[in-house]
Amino acid sequence: RYLIDELFLNYDGGVGSQYFFYNAEKGLFYAGPCWDFDNSLGSGSQNNYNCLLTSRPYYSAFVHTPLFHELTKQPVFQKRTAELFQEVYLPKLTALTDQGIRDMDDRIKAARHMNAVRWTQGYDVSDTVEMRLFLRNRIKFLKKLWLDKNEYCVITLHAPVYHYYYIEKG
């Protein structure tokens, strides 16, 4: 669940529309299903691809979001995240940016319209060019951070909702 929220920069990740459950027989926590991605891929208040959800122990002054933040401090979690990103998600993300987003846009047109009606956004638009560009830039940033291990400084802006931006050192 973390990787899906982080890869698509779902700003509600770790905050809202989250469901976690514990299976006592297996001794494991589960998360899902994934939904409510209207604040992802550069839409909503977090529209800069060079940030991480994990940088924010707080979503705002009133909302504490420690789960992802604490998990990513663990070396085993960091290592597994980079492995899954490279081996599983990177090929799929590349396919999405090449053609997949454009193909899906036609399929979900009716659902996108109903979402706009339900949430009274007053618009029903899809800009696949912008989505693809955002995702391409997001992939480049995450490759530098997770695979190349480039060093970054984190800039924190305390607005009504907190924002965390990564600036590459140098």
Protein backbone atom coordinates (compact mmCIF):
# COMPACT_ATOMS: atom_id res chain seq x y z
CA ARG A 1 0.00 0.00 0.00
CA TYR A 2 2.86 2.33 0.83
CA LEU A 3 4.45 1.92 -2.60
CA ILE A 4 1.21 2.56 -4.47
CA ASP A 5 0.56 5.75 -2.48
CA GLU A 6 4.17 6.91 -2.81
CA LEU A 7 4.65 6.11 -6.48
CA PHE A 8 1.52 7.99 -7.51
CA LEU A 9 2.08 10.64 -4.83
CA ASN A 10 -1.36 10.17 -3.32
CA TYR A 11 -1.38 13.05 -0.89
CA ASP A 12 -4.08 11.32 1.18
CA GLY A 13 -1.74 8.33 1.62
CA GLY A 14 -1.40 7.42 5.27
CA VAL A 15 -4.11 9.95 6.14
CA GLY A 16 -7.54 9.34 4.61
CA SER A 17 -9.29 6.54 2.78
CA GLN A 18 -7.01 3.99 4.40
CA TYR A 19 -8.06 0.58 5.60
CA PHE A 20 -5.76 -1.67 7.61
CA PHE A 21 -6.57 -4.98 9.26
CA TYR A 22 -4.71 -7.55 11.29
CA ASN A 23 -4.87 -11.30 10.62
CA ALA A 24 -4.14 -12.87 14.01
CA GLU A 25 -3.67 -16.37 12.55
CA LYS A 26 -0.90 -15.19 10.21
CA GLY A 27 0.39 -12.45 12.49
CA LEU A 28 0.30 -9.96 9.62
CA PHE A 29 -1.16 -6.52 8.96
CA TYR A 30 -2.81 -5.90 5.61
CA ALA A 31 -3.70 -2.66 3.85
CA GLY A 32 -6.16 -2.03 1.08
CA PRO A 33 -7.93 -1.80 -1.16
CA CYS A 34 -6.48 1.27 -2.85
CA TRP A 35 -9.02 3.98 -3.63
CA ASP A 36 -9.51 7.75 -3.45
CA PHE A 37 -6.65 8.90 -5.66
CA ASP A 38 -8.09 12.28 -6.63
CA ASN A 39 -5.13 13.93 -4.87
CA SER A 40 -2.47 12.06 -6.80
CA LEU A 41 -0.24 12.43 -9.87
CA GLY A 42 0.15 16.15 -9.29
CA SER A 43 -3.47 17.02 -8.66
CA GLY A 44 -4.57 18.52 -5.40
CA SER A 45 -2.34 20.45 -3.04
CA GLN A 46 0.83 18.39 -3.62
CA ASN A 47 1.75 19.04 -7.23
CA ASN A 48 5.52 18.75 -7.07
CA TYR A 49 6.97 15.36 -8.02
CA ASN A 50 10.11 15.71 -5.86
CA CYS A 51 8.74 14.89 -2.45
CA LEU A 52 7.96 11.83 -0.35
CA LEU A 53 4.92 11.04 1.74
CA THR A 54 7.28 9.45 4.25
CA SER A 55 8.91 12.77 5.03
CA ARG A 56 5.80 13.92 6.78
CA PRO A 57 5.19 12.70 10.30
CA TYR A 58 2.39 15.27 10.23
CA TYR A 59 -0.16 15.94 7.48
CA SER A 60 -1.06 19.20 9.21
CA ALA A 61 -0.77 20.73 12.66
CA PHE A 62 -3.75 18.61 13.72
CA VAL A 63 -3.23 15.34 11.87
CA HIS A 64 -0.37 13.02 12.84
CA THR A 65 0.66 10.50 10.15
CA PRO A 66 3.44 8.36 11.60
CA LEU A 67 2.93 4.98 9.91
CA PHE A 68 4.77 5.43 6.60
CA HIS A 69 7.24 7.84 8.20
CA GLU A 70 8.32 5.30 10.81
CA LEU A 71 8.34 2.32 8.44
CA THR A 72 10.74 3.96 6.03
CA LYS A 73 13.28 4.57 8.77
CA GLN A 74 13.82 0.79 8.89
CA PRO A 75 16.75 -0.39 6.69
CA VAL A 76 14.98 -3.65 5.75
CA PHE A 77 11.93 -1.67 4.60
CA GLN A 78 14.12 0.76 2.61
CA LYS A 79 15.90 -2.12 0.89
CA ARG A 80 12.68 -3.95 0.02
CA THR A 81 11.05 -0.76 -1.24
CA ALA A 82 13.95 -0.15 -3.66
CA GLU A 83 13.87 -3.80 -4.82
CA LEU A 84 10.13 -3.79 -5.49
CA PHE A 85 10.33 -0.42 -7.20
CA GLN A 86 13.04 -1.62 -9.57
CA GLU A 87 11.86 -5.18 -10.22
CA VAL A 88 8.06 -4.94 -10.13
CA TYR A 89 6.83 -1.37 -10.43
CA LEU A 90 9.33 0.33 -12.75
CA PRO A 91 8.43 -1.77 -15.83
CA LYS A 92 4.70 -1.22 -15.18
CA LEU A 93 5.15 2.51 -14.61
CA THR A 94 7.10 2.81 -17.84
CA ALA A 95 4.27 1.09 -19.71
CA LEU A 96 1.79 3.48 -18.09
CA THR A 97 3.69 6.56 -19.19
CA ASP A 98 4.24 5.19 -22.71
CA GLN A 99 0.61 4.38 -23.58
CA GLY A 100 -1.30 2.94 -20.61
CA ILE A 101 -2.62 6.22 -19.20
CA ARG A 102 -4.01 7.24 -22.59
CA ASP A 103 -5.71 3.85 -23.02
CA MET A 104 -7.26 3.98 -19.53
CA ASP A 105 -8.49 7.53 -20.00
CA ASP A 106 -10.99 6.44 -22.65
CA ARG A 107 -12.15 3.48 -20.54
CA ILE A 108 -12.84 5.52 -17.39
CA LYS A 109 -14.41 8.59 -19.00
CA ALA A 110 -17.88 7.84 -17.55
CA ALA A 111 -16.50 7.15 -14.06
CA ARG A 112 -14.43 10.33 -14.17
CA HIS A 113 -17.57 12.30 -15.06
CA MET A 114 -19.54 10.73 -12.17
CA ASN A 115 -16.71 11.55 -9.77
CA ALA A 116 -16.87 15.19 -10.87
CA VAL A 117 -20.66 15.19 -10.37
CA ARG A 118 -20.43 13.52 -6.94
CA TRP A 119 -17.74 15.83 -5.60
CA THR A 120 -19.17 18.92 -7.34
CA GLN A 121 -15.81 19.89 -8.73
CA GLY A 122 -17.52 21.72 -11.55
CA TYR A 123 -15.31 20.14 -14.17
CA ASP A 124 -14.79 16.83 -15.88
CA VAL A 125 -11.37 17.03 -17.45
CA SER A 126 -8.52 14.66 -17.96
CA ASP A 127 -5.11 15.79 -19.06
CA THR A 128 -3.21 12.64 -19.89
CA VAL A 129 -0.26 14.67 -21.18
CA GLU A 130 0.18 16.31 -17.77
CA MET A 131 -0.31 13.01 -15.93
CA ARG A 132 2.26 11.25 -18.06
CA LEU A 133 4.76 14.10 -17.64
CA PHE A 134 4.25 14.13 -13.87
CA LEU A 135 4.70 10.36 -13.64
CA ARG A 136 7.84 10.43 -15.81
CA ASN A 137 9.37 13.10 -13.56
CA ARG A 138 8.26 11.20 -10.47
CA ILE A 139 9.97 8.03 -11.75
CA LYS A 140 13.21 9.94 -12.43
CA PHE A 141 13.16 11.41 -8.92
CA LEU A 142 12.50 8.06 -7.23
CA LYS A 143 15.20 6.32 -9.30
CA LYS A 144 17.75 8.93 -8.20
CA LEU A 145 16.64 8.66 -4.58
CA TRP A 146 16.05 4.93 -4.14
CA LEU A 147 18.30 3.30 -6.75
CA ASP A 148 21.15 5.77 -7.31
CA LYS A 149 21.11 6.84 -3.63
CA ASN A 150 21.54 10.53 -4.48
CA GLU A 151 21.58 12.84 -1.47
CA TYR A 152 18.80 15.37 -0.95
CA CYS A 153 17.92 18.14 1.47
CA VAL A 154 14.31 18.30 2.65
CA ILE A 155 12.51 21.63 2.69
CA THR A 156 9.39 21.78 4.87
CA LEU A 157 6.63 24.31 4.35
CA HIS A 158 4.11 24.65 7.16
CA ALA A 159 0.90 25.77 5.51
CA PRO A 160 -2.56 24.60 6.45
CA VAL A 161 -1.35 21.28 5.00
CA TYR A 162 2.38 20.60 5.29
CA HIS A 163 4.56 20.15 2.21
CA TYR A 164 7.97 18.47 2.01
CA TYR A 165 10.19 19.06 -1.02
CA TYR A 166 13.43 17.31 -1.88
CA ILE A 167 16.25 19.39 -3.36
CA GLU A 168 19.25 17.46 -4.65
CA LYS A 169 22.46 18.44 -2.83
CA GLY A 170 24.81 20.54 -4.88
